[in-house]
């Protein structure tokens, strides 16, 4: 894994369940289990986060880097009001009175589009709809003015209309606050609506990185190609029929350990794919992990 996140930019991290997307987001914040082994470097601005003492890392989490977790209903404490939870975040990172914190919490709920912030502050998570809970989680993540927001499947279990509102909100926040957003999703259609750049993951590694429009028009990796097939109903202009990837996650595990991890599901594999693991070739803006990326004629969904 190696990638960069830019201020004011929404970067989409896509891949099917089990590819390692959520694990990546948790690793950035040092939230993996204590038994997990982390190697390499995670740099936030000029500060190294890997190996940082827990007390120092806690100062960064929630203040400079925040995360919106999957399933907002379960992420909220059902025994504490929404207002109390946001106030607790503010008081943990800022020298602020309870009265001022409540005022900021009310403004935050208004900024994320909740119609009655005063009522929401007094409510409990179980009294709100899924879309309202998600907006509350985003407000809580923004409470201390972070520079990086990690949004893990923020539209899961929401209906299509609410999904569109949430992704539009993330786009607006990135632009208005010059906020770097890492949008984690299994749905390439959702990511394509809002991301500036897309990173595709497969079995724990990056296989494709490209600006959104380039990726939609000419995906460089066969796996990205198959994800476009899964999302084709969300696009109006379909250039050509796209074959769907074979197999499932159990099939992936059967791939030759020394070769390409996508081998068992790829329609374009050749002999070298069995024994030679492809490297991620390119730049931070555009790169792919495929021996045949230069000669495959993969046609995307945007004409």
C-alpha atoms as a PDB file:
ATOM      1  CA  UNK A   1       0.000   0.000   0.000  1.00  0.00           C
ATOM      2  CA  UNK A   2       1.272   3.445  -0.904  1.00  0.00           C
ATOM      3  CA  UNK A   3      -0.834   6.509  -1.655  1.00  0.00           C
ATOM      4  CA  UNK A   4      -1.197  10.208  -0.892  1.00  0.00           C
ATOM      5  CA  UNK A   5      -4.211  12.319   0.092  1.00  0.00           C
ATOM      6  CA  UNK A   6      -4.439  15.974  -0.920  1.00  0.00           C
ATOM      7  CA  UNK A   7      -6.189  18.884   0.778  1.00  0.00           C
ATOM      8  CA  UNK A   8      -9.571  19.660  -0.803  1.00  0.00           C
ATOM      9  CA  UNK A   9      -9.500  16.337  -2.651  1.00  0.00           C
ATOM     10  CA  UNK A  10     -11.876  13.390  -2.351  1.00  0.00           C
ATOM     11  CA  UNK A  11     -10.050  10.100  -2.917  1.00  0.00           C
ATOM     12  CA  UNK A  12     -12.187   7.005  -3.404  1.00  0.00           C
ATOM     13  CA  UNK A  13     -10.905   3.659  -2.074  1.00  0.00           C
ATOM     14  CA  UNK A  14     -12.919   0.862  -3.685  1.00  0.00           C
ATOM     15  CA  UNK A  15     -12.963  -2.921  -3.727  1.00  0.00           C
ATOM     16  CA  UNK A  16     -15.219  -5.781  -2.743  1.00  0.00           C
ATOM     17  CA  UNK A  17     -15.691  -6.977   0.838  1.00  0.00           C
ATOM     18  CA  UNK A  18     -12.490  -8.468   2.232  1.00  0.00           C
ATOM     19  CA  UNK A  19     -10.108  -6.453   0.054  1.00  0.00           C
ATOM     20  CA  UNK A  20      -8.712  -4.515   3.033  1.00  0.00           C
ATOM     21  CA  UNK A  21     -10.362  -1.102   2.650  1.00  0.00           C
ATOM     22  CA  UNK A  22     -11.584  -0.678   6.235  1.00  0.00           C
ATOM     23  CA  UNK A  23      -8.353  -2.159   7.583  1.00  0.00           C
ATOM     24  CA  UNK A  24      -6.455   0.520   5.680  1.00  0.00           C
ATOM     25  CA  UNK A  25      -8.564   3.301   7.178  1.00  0.00           C
ATOM     26  CA  UNK A  26      -8.149   1.930  10.701  1.00  0.00           C
ATOM     27  CA  UNK A  27      -4.396   1.516  10.209  1.00  0.00           C
ATOM     28  CA  UNK A  28      -4.038   5.204   9.322  1.00  0.00           C
ATOM     29  CA  UNK A  29      -5.479   6.116  12.730  1.00  0.00           C
ATOM     30  CA  UNK A  30      -3.684   3.434  14.722  1.00  0.00           C
ATOM     31  CA  UNK A  31      -6.946   1.664  15.524  1.00  0.00           C
ATOM     32  CA  UNK A  32      -5.934  -1.883  14.617  1.00  0.00           C
ATOM     33  CA  UNK A  33      -5.886  -4.556  17.359  1.00  0.00           C
ATOM     34  CA  UNK A  34      -2.777  -4.567  19.546  1.00  0.00           C
ATOM     35  CA  UNK A  35      -1.795  -7.931  18.094  1.00  0.00           C
ATOM     36  CA  UNK A  36      -1.618  -6.472  14.576  1.00  0.00           C
ATOM     37  CA  UNK A  37       1.813  -5.812  13.079  1.00  0.00           C
ATOM     38  CA  UNK A  38       2.226  -2.556  11.184  1.00  0.00           C
ATOM     39  CA  UNK A  39       5.283  -1.817   9.079  1.00  0.00           C
ATOM     40  CA  UNK A  40       6.103   1.136   6.888  1.00  0.00           C
ATOM     41  CA  UNK A  41       5.209   4.778   7.359  1.00  0.00           C
ATOM     42  CA  UNK A  42       2.041   6.841   7.843  1.00  0.00           C
ATOM     43  CA  UNK A  43       2.831  10.540   7.644  1.00  0.00           C
ATOM     44  CA  UNK A  44       0.309  13.242   8.471  1.00  0.00           C
ATOM     45  CA  UNK A  45       1.777  16.480   7.140  1.00  0.00           C
ATOM     46  CA  UNK A  46       5.333  16.245   8.562  1.00  0.00           C
ATOM     47  CA  UNK A  47       4.568  13.941  11.497  1.00  0.00           C
ATOM     48  CA  UNK A  48       5.157  10.186  11.537  1.00  0.00           C
ATOM     49  CA  UNK A  49       2.186   8.349  13.068  1.00  0.00           C
ATOM     50  CA  UNK A  50       3.537   4.793  13.107  1.00  0.00           C
ATOM     51  CA  UNK A  51       5.145   4.214  16.478  1.00  0.00           C
ATOM     52  CA  UNK A  52       3.779   7.442  17.962  1.00  0.00           C
ATOM     53  CA  UNK A  53       2.977   7.086  21.695  1.00  0.00           C
ATOM     54  CA  UNK A  54      -0.728   6.450  22.364  1.00  0.00           C
ATOM     55  CA  UNK A  55      -1.177   9.738  24.239  1.00  0.00           C
ATOM     56  CA  UNK A  56       0.221  11.721  21.299  1.00  0.00           C
ATOM     57  CA  UNK A  57      -1.849   9.781  18.773  1.00  0.00           C
ATOM     58  CA  UNK A  58      -5.037  10.506  20.745  1.00  0.00           C
ATOM     59  CA  UNK A  59      -4.352  14.225  20.343  1.00  0.00           C
ATOM     60  CA  UNK A  60      -4.360  13.803  16.562  1.00  0.00           C
ATOM     61  CA  UNK A  61      -7.361  11.458  16.331  1.00  0.00           C
ATOM     62  CA  UNK A  62     -10.573  13.452  16.355  1.00  0.00           C
ATOM     63  CA  UNK A  63      -8.751  16.768  16.117  1.00  0.00           C
ATOM     64  CA  UNK A  64      -6.629  16.625  12.951  1.00  0.00           C
ATOM     65  CA  UNK A  65      -7.824  13.296  11.527  1.00  0.00           C
ATOM     66  CA  UNK A  66     -11.375  11.997  12.023  1.00  0.00           C
ATOM     67  CA  UNK A  67     -13.251   8.912  10.903  1.00  0.00           C
ATOM     68  CA  UNK A  68     -16.884   8.199  10.105  1.00  0.00           C
ATOM     69  CA  UNK A  69     -17.372   4.508  10.850  1.00  0.00           C
ATOM     70  CA  UNK A  70     -19.624   1.955   9.182  1.00  0.00           C
ATOM     71  CA  UNK A  71     -23.182   1.640  10.532  1.00  0.00           C
ATOM     72  CA  UNK A  72     -23.710   5.017  12.259  1.00  0.00           C
ATOM     73  CA  UNK A  73     -26.563   3.672  14.382  1.00  0.00           C
ATOM     74  CA  UNK A  74     -24.230   1.302  16.221  1.00  0.00           C
ATOM     75  CA  UNK A  75     -21.382   3.848  16.346  1.00  0.00           C
ATOM     76  CA  UNK A  76     -23.511   6.228  18.433  1.00  0.00           C
ATOM     77  CA  UNK A  77     -23.907   5.562  22.160  1.00  0.00           C
ATOM     78  CA  UNK A  78     -27.611   4.705  22.697  1.00  0.00           C
ATOM     79  CA  UNK A  79     -27.572   5.799  26.354  1.00  0.00           C
ATOM     80  CA  UNK A  80     -26.189   9.318  25.752  1.00  0.00           C
ATOM     81  CA  UNK A  81     -27.810  12.201  23.867  1.00  0.00           C
ATOM     82  CA  UNK A  82     -26.394  13.372  20.542  1.00  0.00           C
ATOM     83  CA  UNK A  83     -25.526  16.744  22.089  1.00  0.00           C
ATOM     84  CA  UNK A  84     -23.546  15.155  24.912  1.00  0.00           C
ATOM     85  CA  UNK A  85     -21.534  13.030  22.478  1.00  0.00           C
ATOM     86  CA  UNK A  86     -20.541  15.989  20.301  1.00  0.00           C
ATOM     87  CA  UNK A  87     -19.753  18.141  23.355  1.00  0.00           C
ATOM     88  CA  UNK A  88     -17.510  15.365  24.732  1.00  0.00           C
ATOM     89  CA  UNK A  89     -15.497  15.363  21.499  1.00  0.00           C
ATOM     90  CA  UNK A  90     -15.067  19.143  21.633  1.00  0.00           C
ATOM     91  CA  UNK A  91     -14.046  19.210  25.295  1.00  0.00           C
ATOM     92  CA  UNK A  92     -11.557  16.373  24.766  1.00  0.00           C
ATOM     93  CA  UNK A  93      -9.562  18.414  22.252  1.00  0.00           C
ATOM     94  CA  UNK A  94     -10.304  22.071  22.988  1.00  0.00           C
ATOM     95  CA  UNK A  95     -10.229  24.339  26.031  1.00  0.00           C
ATOM     96  CA  UNK A  96     -13.886  25.276  25.837  1.00  0.00           C
ATOM     97  CA  UNK A  97     -16.876  25.734  28.129  1.00  0.00           C
ATOM     98  CA  UNK A  98     -19.859  23.417  27.996  1.00  0.00           C
ATOM     99  CA  UNK A  99     -22.121  26.282  26.881  1.00  0.00           C
ATOM    100  CA  UNK A 100     -19.836  27.214  23.978  1.00  0.00           C
ATOM    101  CA  UNK A 101     -19.472  23.550  23.032  1.00  0.00           C
ATOM    102  CA  UNK A 102     -23.255  23.175  22.816  1.00  0.00           C
ATOM    103  CA  UNK A 103     -23.418  26.219  20.542  1.00  0.00           C
ATOM    104  CA  UNK A 104     -20.767  24.757  18.233  1.00  0.00           C
ATOM    105  CA  UNK A 105     -22.560  21.382  18.246  1.00  0.00           C
ATOM    106  CA  UNK A 106     -25.799  23.071  17.174  1.00  0.00           C
ATOM    107  CA  UNK A 107     -24.031  24.911  14.350  1.00  0.00           C
ATOM    108  CA  UNK A 108     -22.395  21.668  13.175  1.00  0.00           C
ATOM    109  CA  UNK A 109     -25.731  19.856  12.979  1.00  0.00           C
ATOM    110  CA  UNK A 110     -27.097  22.749  10.934  1.00  0.00           C
ATOM    111  CA  UNK A 111     -24.080  22.634   8.594  1.00  0.00           C
ATOM    112  CA  UNK A 112     -24.632  18.946   7.820  1.00  0.00           C
ATOM    113  CA  UNK A 113     -28.243  19.621   6.850  1.00  0.00           C
ATOM    114  CA  UNK A 114     -30.302  18.573   9.879  1.00  0.00           C
ATOM    115  CA  UNK A 115     -33.513  20.596   9.884  1.00  0.00           C
ATOM    116  CA  UNK A 116     -33.977  20.879  13.655  1.00  0.00           C
ATOM    117  CA  UNK A 117     -30.550  20.947  15.353  1.00  0.00           C
ATOM    118  CA  UNK A 118     -31.937  21.879  18.782  1.00  0.00           C
ATOM    119  CA  UNK A 119     -34.190  18.850  18.815  1.00  0.00           C
ATOM    120  CA  UNK A 120     -31.449  16.569  17.481  1.00  0.00           C
ATOM    121  CA  UNK A 121     -29.093  17.638  20.284  1.00  0.00           C
ATOM    122  CA  UNK A 122     -31.602  16.323  22.832  1.00  0.00           C
ATOM    123  CA  UNK A 123     -32.274  13.100  20.912  1.00  0.00           C
ATOM    124  CA  UNK A 124     -30.724   9.648  21.225  1.00  0.00           C
ATOM    125  CA  UNK A 125     -29.330   7.734  18.262  1.00  0.00           C
ATOM    126  CA  UNK A 126     -32.162   5.182  18.226  1.00  0.00           C
ATOM    127  CA  UNK A 127     -34.662   8.018  17.746  1.00  0.00           C
ATOM    128  CA  UNK A 128     -33.102   9.091  14.447  1.00  0.00           C
ATOM    129  CA  UNK A 129     -33.256   7.657  10.935  1.00  0.00           C
ATOM    130  CA  UNK A 130     -30.205   6.103   9.302  1.00  0.00           C
ATOM    131  CA  UNK A 131     -29.573   9.205   7.209  1.00  0.00           C
ATOM    132  CA  UNK A 132     -29.853  11.481  10.248  1.00  0.00           C
ATOM    133  CA  UNK A 133     -27.430   9.277  12.223  1.00  0.00           C
ATOM    134  CA  UNK A 134     -24.947   9.478   9.369  1.00  0.00           C
ATOM    135  CA  UNK A 135     -25.159  13.276   9.336  1.00  0.00           C
ATOM    136  CA  UNK A 136     -24.636  13.321  13.110  1.00  0.00           C
ATOM    137  CA  UNK A 137     -21.529  11.142  12.718  1.00  0.00           C
ATOM    138  CA  UNK A 138     -20.169  13.519  10.060  1.00  0.00           C
ATOM    139  CA  UNK A 139     -20.881  16.515  12.327  1.00  0.00           C
ATOM    140  CA  UNK A 140     -19.075  14.795  15.201  1.00  0.00           C
ATOM    141  CA  UNK A 141     -16.102  14.011  12.950  1.00  0.00           C
ATOM    142  CA  UNK A 142     -15.918  17.679  11.894  1.00  0.00           C
ATOM    143  CA  UNK A 143     -16.265  19.072  15.443  1.00  0.00           C
ATOM    144  CA  UNK A 144     -12.596  19.977  15.900  1.00  0.00           C
ATOM    145  CA  UNK A 145     -11.913  21.099  12.337  1.00  0.00           C
ATOM    146  CA  UNK A 146      -9.892  18.120  11.046  1.00  0.00           C
ATOM    147  CA  UNK A 147      -7.720  18.278   7.951  1.00  0.00           C
ATOM    148  CA  UNK A 148      -8.412  14.670   6.965  1.00  0.00           C
ATOM    149  CA  UNK A 149     -11.745  12.837   7.099  1.00  0.00           C
ATOM    150  CA  UNK A 150     -11.909   9.067   6.587  1.00  0.00           C
ATOM    151  CA  UNK A 151     -15.449   8.031   5.638  1.00  0.00           C
ATOM    152  CA  UNK A 152     -15.921   4.248   5.796  1.00  0.00           C
ATOM    153  CA  UNK A 153     -18.923   3.109   3.734  1.00  0.00           C
ATOM    154  CA  UNK A 154     -20.937   6.253   4.641  1.00  0.00           C
ATOM    155  CA  UNK A 155     -23.859   5.325   2.386  1.00  0.00           C
ATOM    156  CA  UNK A 156     -24.321   1.663   3.389  1.00  0.00           C
ATOM    157  CA  UNK A 157     -27.952   0.714   4.242  1.00  0.00           C
ATOM    158  CA  UNK A 158     -29.259   4.113   3.108  1.00  0.00           C
ATOM    159  CA  UNK A 159     -31.789   4.522   0.313  1.00  0.00           C
ATOM    160  CA  UNK A 160     -30.648   5.978  -3.007  1.00  0.00           C
ATOM    161  CA  UNK A 161     -31.921   9.504  -2.316  1.00  0.00           C
ATOM    162  CA  UNK A 162     -30.166   9.741   1.058  1.00  0.00           C
ATOM    163  CA  UNK A 163     -27.005   8.216  -0.443  1.00  0.00           C
ATOM    164  CA  UNK A 164     -26.880  11.043  -2.984  1.00  0.00           C
ATOM    165  CA  UNK A 165     -27.332  13.651  -0.253  1.00  0.00           C
ATOM    166  CA  UNK A 166     -24.502  12.204   1.859  1.00  0.00           C
ATOM    167  CA  UNK A 167     -21.986  12.044  -1.013  1.00  0.00           C
ATOM    168  CA  UNK A 168     -22.933  15.584  -2.076  1.00  0.00           C
ATOM    169  CA  UNK A 169     -22.367  16.721   1.509  1.00  0.00           C
ATOM    170  CA  UNK A 170     -18.887  15.152   1.558  1.00  0.00           C
ATOM    171  CA  UNK A 171     -18.028  16.896  -1.699  1.00  0.00           C
ATOM    172  CA  UNK A 172     -19.205  20.260  -0.363  1.00  0.00           C
ATOM    173  CA  UNK A 173     -17.270  19.841   2.885  1.00  0.00           C
ATOM    174  CA  UNK A 174     -14.066  19.010   1.013  1.00  0.00           C
ATOM    175  CA  UNK A 175     -14.384  22.173  -1.075  1.00  0.00           C
ATOM    176  CA  UNK A 176     -15.545  24.525   1.672  1.00  0.00           C
ATOM    177  CA  UNK A 177     -13.075  23.390   4.346  1.00  0.00           C
ATOM    178  CA  UNK A 178     -10.150  22.423   2.073  1.00  0.00           C
ATOM    179  CA  UNK A 179     -10.583  18.997   3.644  1.00  0.00           C
ATOM    180  CA  UNK A 180      -8.878  15.833   2.441  1.00  0.00           C
ATOM    181  CA  UNK A 181     -11.459  13.022   2.277  1.00  0.00           C
ATOM    182  CA  UNK A 182     -10.754   9.301   1.957  1.00  0.00           C
ATOM    183  CA  UNK A 183     -14.070   7.766   0.858  1.00  0.00           C
ATOM    184  CA  UNK A 184     -14.100   4.008   1.409  1.00  0.00           C
ATOM    185  CA  UNK A 185     -16.767   2.074  -0.486  1.00  0.00           C
ATOM    186  CA  UNK A 186     -17.503  -1.193  -2.277  1.00  0.00           C
ATOM    187  CA  UNK A 187     -19.728   0.757  -4.688  1.00  0.00           C
ATOM    188  CA  UNK A 188     -17.782   2.292  -7.556  1.00  0.00           C
ATOM    189  CA  UNK A 189     -20.981   4.059  -8.695  1.00  0.00           C
ATOM    190  CA  UNK A 190     -21.115   6.030  -5.432  1.00  0.00           C
ATOM    191  CA  UNK A 191     -17.413   6.876  -5.546  1.00  0.00           C
ATOM    192  CA  UNK A 192     -17.655   7.995  -9.179  1.00  0.00           C
ATOM    193  CA  UNK A 193     -20.202  10.632  -8.184  1.00  0.00           C
ATOM    194  CA  UNK A 194     -17.893  12.486  -5.823  1.00  0.00           C
ATOM    195  CA  UNK A 195     -14.229  11.390  -6.014  1.00  0.00           C
ATOM    196  CA  UNK A 196     -11.463  13.285  -7.769  1.00  0.00           C
ATOM    197  CA  UNK A 197      -9.241  10.207  -7.801  1.00  0.00           C
ATOM    198  CA  UNK A 198      -9.953   6.493  -7.359  1.00  0.00           C
ATOM    199  CA  UNK A 199      -7.804   3.776  -5.782  1.00  0.00           C
ATOM    200  CA  UNK A 200      -8.838   0.154  -6.419  1.00  0.00           C
ATOM    201  CA  UNK A 201      -7.870  -2.542  -3.896  1.00  0.00           C
ATOM    202  CA  UNK A 202      -7.845  -6.303  -4.377  1.00  0.00           C
ATOM    203  CA  UNK A 203      -6.773  -8.853  -1.749  1.00  0.00           C
ATOM    204  CA  UNK A 204      -4.886  -6.389   0.398  1.00  0.00           C
ATOM    205  CA  UNK A 205      -3.000  -4.421  -2.253  1.00  0.00           C
ATOM    206  CA  UNK A 206      -3.582  -1.512  -4.603  1.00  0.00           C
ATOM    207  CA  UNK A 207      -4.123  -2.649  -8.188  1.00  0.00           C
ATOM    208  CA  UNK A 208      -5.203   0.607  -9.828  1.00  0.00           C
ATOM    209  CA  UNK A 209      -4.883   4.367  -9.190  1.00  0.00           C
ATOM    210  CA  UNK A 210      -6.246   6.960 -11.583  1.00  0.00           C
ATOM    211  CA  UNK A 211      -8.119  10.264 -11.818  1.00  0.00           C
ATOM    212  CA  UNK A 212     -11.853   9.504 -11.788  1.00  0.00           C
ATOM    213  CA  UNK A 213     -12.657  10.355 -15.414  1.00  0.00           C
ATOM    214  CA  UNK A 214      -9.636   8.482 -16.752  1.00  0.00           C
ATOM    215  CA  UNK A 215     -10.545   5.411 -14.708  1.00  0.00           C
ATOM    216  CA  UNK A 216     -14.152   5.433 -15.913  1.00  0.00           C
ATOM    217  CA  UNK A 217     -13.178   5.831 -19.564  1.00  0.00           C
ATOM    218  CA  UNK A 218     -10.177   3.521 -19.711  1.00  0.00           C
ATOM    219  CA  UNK A 219      -9.678   1.308 -16.636  1.00  0.00           C
ATOM    220  CA  UNK A 220      -6.142  -0.060 -16.724  1.00  0.00           C
ATOM    221  CA  UNK A 221      -6.704  -3.154 -14.575  1.00  0.00           C
ATOM    222  CA  UNK A 222      -9.143  -6.029 -15.350  1.00  0.00           C
ATOM    223  CA  UNK A 223     -10.464  -5.934 -11.763  1.00  0.00           C
ATOM    224  CA  UNK A 224     -11.417  -2.255 -12.035  1.00  0.00           C
ATOM    225  CA  UNK A 225     -13.006  -3.230 -15.329  1.00  0.00           C
ATOM    226  CA  UNK A 226     -15.194  -5.805 -13.538  1.00  0.00           C
ATOM    227  CA  UNK A 227     -16.182  -3.293 -10.836  1.00  0.00           C
ATOM    228  CA  UNK A 228     -17.445  -1.003 -13.585  1.00  0.00           C
ATOM    229  CA  UNK A 229     -19.649  -3.855 -14.780  1.00  0.00           C
ATOM    230  CA  UNK A 230     -21.175  -4.085 -11.306  1.00  0.00           C
ATOM    231  CA  UNK A 231     -21.886  -0.340 -11.370  1.00  0.00           C
ATOM    232  CA  UNK A 232     -22.983  -0.056 -15.000  1.00  0.00           C
ATOM    233  CA  UNK A 233     -26.652   0.570 -14.093  1.00  0.00           C
ATOM    234  CA  UNK A 234     -25.650   3.900 -12.507  1.00  0.00           C
ATOM    235  CA  UNK A 235     -24.268   5.276 -15.765  1.00  0.00           C
ATOM    236  CA  UNK A 236     -26.234   6.453 -18.784  1.00  0.00           C
ATOM    237  CA  UNK A 237     -23.588   6.053 -21.505  1.00  0.00           C
ATOM    238  CA  UNK A 238     -22.329   2.477 -21.716  1.00  0.00           C
ATOM    239  CA  UNK A 239     -19.686   2.223 -24.415  1.00  0.00           C
ATOM    240  CA  UNK A 240     -19.659  -1.560 -24.852  1.00  0.00           C
ATOM    241  CA  UNK A 241     -20.592  -4.819 -23.088  1.00  0.00           C
ATOM    242  CA  UNK A 242     -18.260  -5.557 -20.176  1.00  0.00           C
ATOM    243  CA  UNK A 243     -17.629  -9.131 -19.008  1.00  0.00           C
ATOM    244  CA  UNK A 244     -18.238  -9.783 -15.317  1.00  0.00           C
ATOM    245  CA  UNK A 245     -15.417 -11.171 -13.177  1.00  0.00           C
ATOM    246  CA  UNK A 246     -15.614 -14.875 -12.342  1.00  0.00           C
ATOM    247  CA  UNK A 247     -15.480 -16.367  -8.878  1.00  0.00           C
ATOM    248  CA  UNK A 248     -15.696 -14.890  -5.395  1.00  0.00           C
ATOM    249  CA  UNK A 249     -13.376 -14.218  -2.467  1.00  0.00           C
ATOM    250  CA  UNK A 250     -12.781 -17.941  -1.890  1.00  0.00           C
ATOM    251  CA  UNK A 251     -11.688 -18.230  -5.513  1.00  0.00           C
ATOM    252  CA  UNK A 252      -9.246 -15.356  -5.000  1.00  0.00           C
ATOM    253  CA  UNK A 253      -7.487 -17.240  -2.202  1.00  0.00           C
ATOM    254  CA  UNK A 254      -6.790 -20.083  -4.617  1.00  0.00           C
ATOM    255  CA  UNK A 255      -4.684 -17.840  -6.865  1.00  0.00           C
ATOM    256  CA  UNK A 256      -1.022 -18.800  -7.193  1.00  0.00           C
ATOM    257  CA  UNK A 257       0.805 -17.268  -4.224  1.00  0.00           C
ATOM    258  CA  UNK A 258       3.811 -16.144  -6.272  1.00  0.00           C
ATOM    259  CA  UNK A 259       1.911 -14.693  -9.206  1.00  0.00           C
ATOM    260  CA  UNK A 260      -0.860 -12.167  -9.732  1.00  0.00           C
ATOM    261  CA  UNK A 261      -3.502 -12.267  -7.002  1.00  0.00           C
ATOM    262  CA  UNK A 262      -6.232 -11.709  -9.593  1.00  0.00           C
ATOM    263  CA  UNK A 263      -5.104 -14.659 -11.721  1.00  0.00           C
ATOM    264  CA  UNK A 264      -8.005 -17.032 -10.966  1.00  0.00           C
ATOM    265  CA  UNK A 265     -10.592 -14.456 -12.052  1.00  0.00           C
ATOM    266  CA  UNK A 266      -8.856 -12.785 -14.976  1.00  0.00           C
ATOM    267  CA  UNK A 267      -9.857 -13.267 -18.632  1.00  0.00           C
ATOM    268  CA  UNK A 268      -6.567 -11.773 -19.828  1.00  0.00           C
ATOM    269  CA  UNK A 269      -4.007 -13.818 -17.855  1.00  0.00           C
ATOM    270  CA  UNK A 270      -0.944 -15.248 -19.570  1.00  0.00           C
ATOM    271  CA  UNK A 271       1.947 -17.505 -18.535  1.00  0.00           C
ATOM    272  CA  UNK A 272       3.990 -14.876 -16.679  1.00  0.00           C
ATOM    273  CA  UNK A 273       0.964 -14.008 -14.514  1.00  0.00           C
ATOM    274  CA  UNK A 274       1.281 -17.429 -12.842  1.00  0.00           C
ATOM    275  CA  UNK A 275       4.801 -16.939 -11.485  1.00  0.00           C
ATOM    276  CA  UNK A 276       5.540 -13.188 -11.544  1.00  0.00           C
ATOM    277  CA  UNK A 277       3.750 -10.915  -9.105  1.00  0.00           C
ATOM    278  CA  UNK A 278       3.133  -7.618 -10.943  1.00  0.00           C
ATOM    279  CA  UNK A 279       4.435  -4.369  -9.459  1.00  0.00           C
ATOM    280  CA  UNK A 280       2.415  -1.187  -9.157  1.00  0.00           C
ATOM    281  CA  UNK A 281       3.878   0.829 -12.035  1.00  0.00           C
ATOM    282  CA  UNK A 282       3.275   4.530 -12.591  1.00  0.00           C
ATOM    283  CA  UNK A 283       3.035   7.684 -10.478  1.00  0.00           C
ATOM    284  CA  UNK A 284       1.035   8.704  -7.402  1.00  0.00           C
ATOM    285  CA  UNK A 285      -1.596  10.089  -9.789  1.00  0.00           C
ATOM    286  CA  UNK A 286      -1.914   7.124 -12.136  1.00  0.00           C
ATOM    287  CA  UNK A 287      -0.577   3.593 -11.707  1.00  0.00           C
ATOM    288  CA  UNK A 288      -1.629  -0.010 -12.221  1.00  0.00           C
ATOM    289  CA  UNK A 289      -0.545  -3.495 -11.121  1.00  0.00           C
ATOM    290  CA  UNK A 290      -0.918  -5.590 -14.265  1.00  0.00           C
ATOM    291  CA  UNK A 291       1.569  -7.180 -16.684  1.00  0.00           C
ATOM    292  CA  UNK A 292      -0.737  -6.424 -19.599  1.00  0.00           C
ATOM    293  CA  UNK A 293      -2.028  -2.955 -18.692  1.00  0.00           C
ATOM    294  CA  UNK A 294      -0.322  -1.365 -21.694  1.00  0.00           C
ATOM    295  CA  UNK A 295      -1.905  -3.640 -24.312  1.00  0.00           C
ATOM    296  CA  UNK A 296      -5.383  -4.363 -22.918  1.00  0.00           C
ATOM    297  CA  UNK A 297      -8.223  -2.586 -24.699  1.00  0.00           C
ATOM    298  CA  UNK A 298     -10.550  -2.092 -21.756  1.00  0.00           C
ATOM    299  CA  UNK A 299     -13.432   0.239 -22.560  1.00  0.00           C
ATOM    300  CA  UNK A 300     -15.081   2.089 -19.664  1.00  0.00           C
ATOM    301  CA  UNK A 301     -18.546   3.405 -19.016  1.00  0.00           C
ATOM    302  CA  UNK A 302     -18.241   7.078 -19.954  1.00  0.00           C
ATOM    303  CA  UNK A 303     -18.144   7.890 -23.654  1.00  0.00           C
END
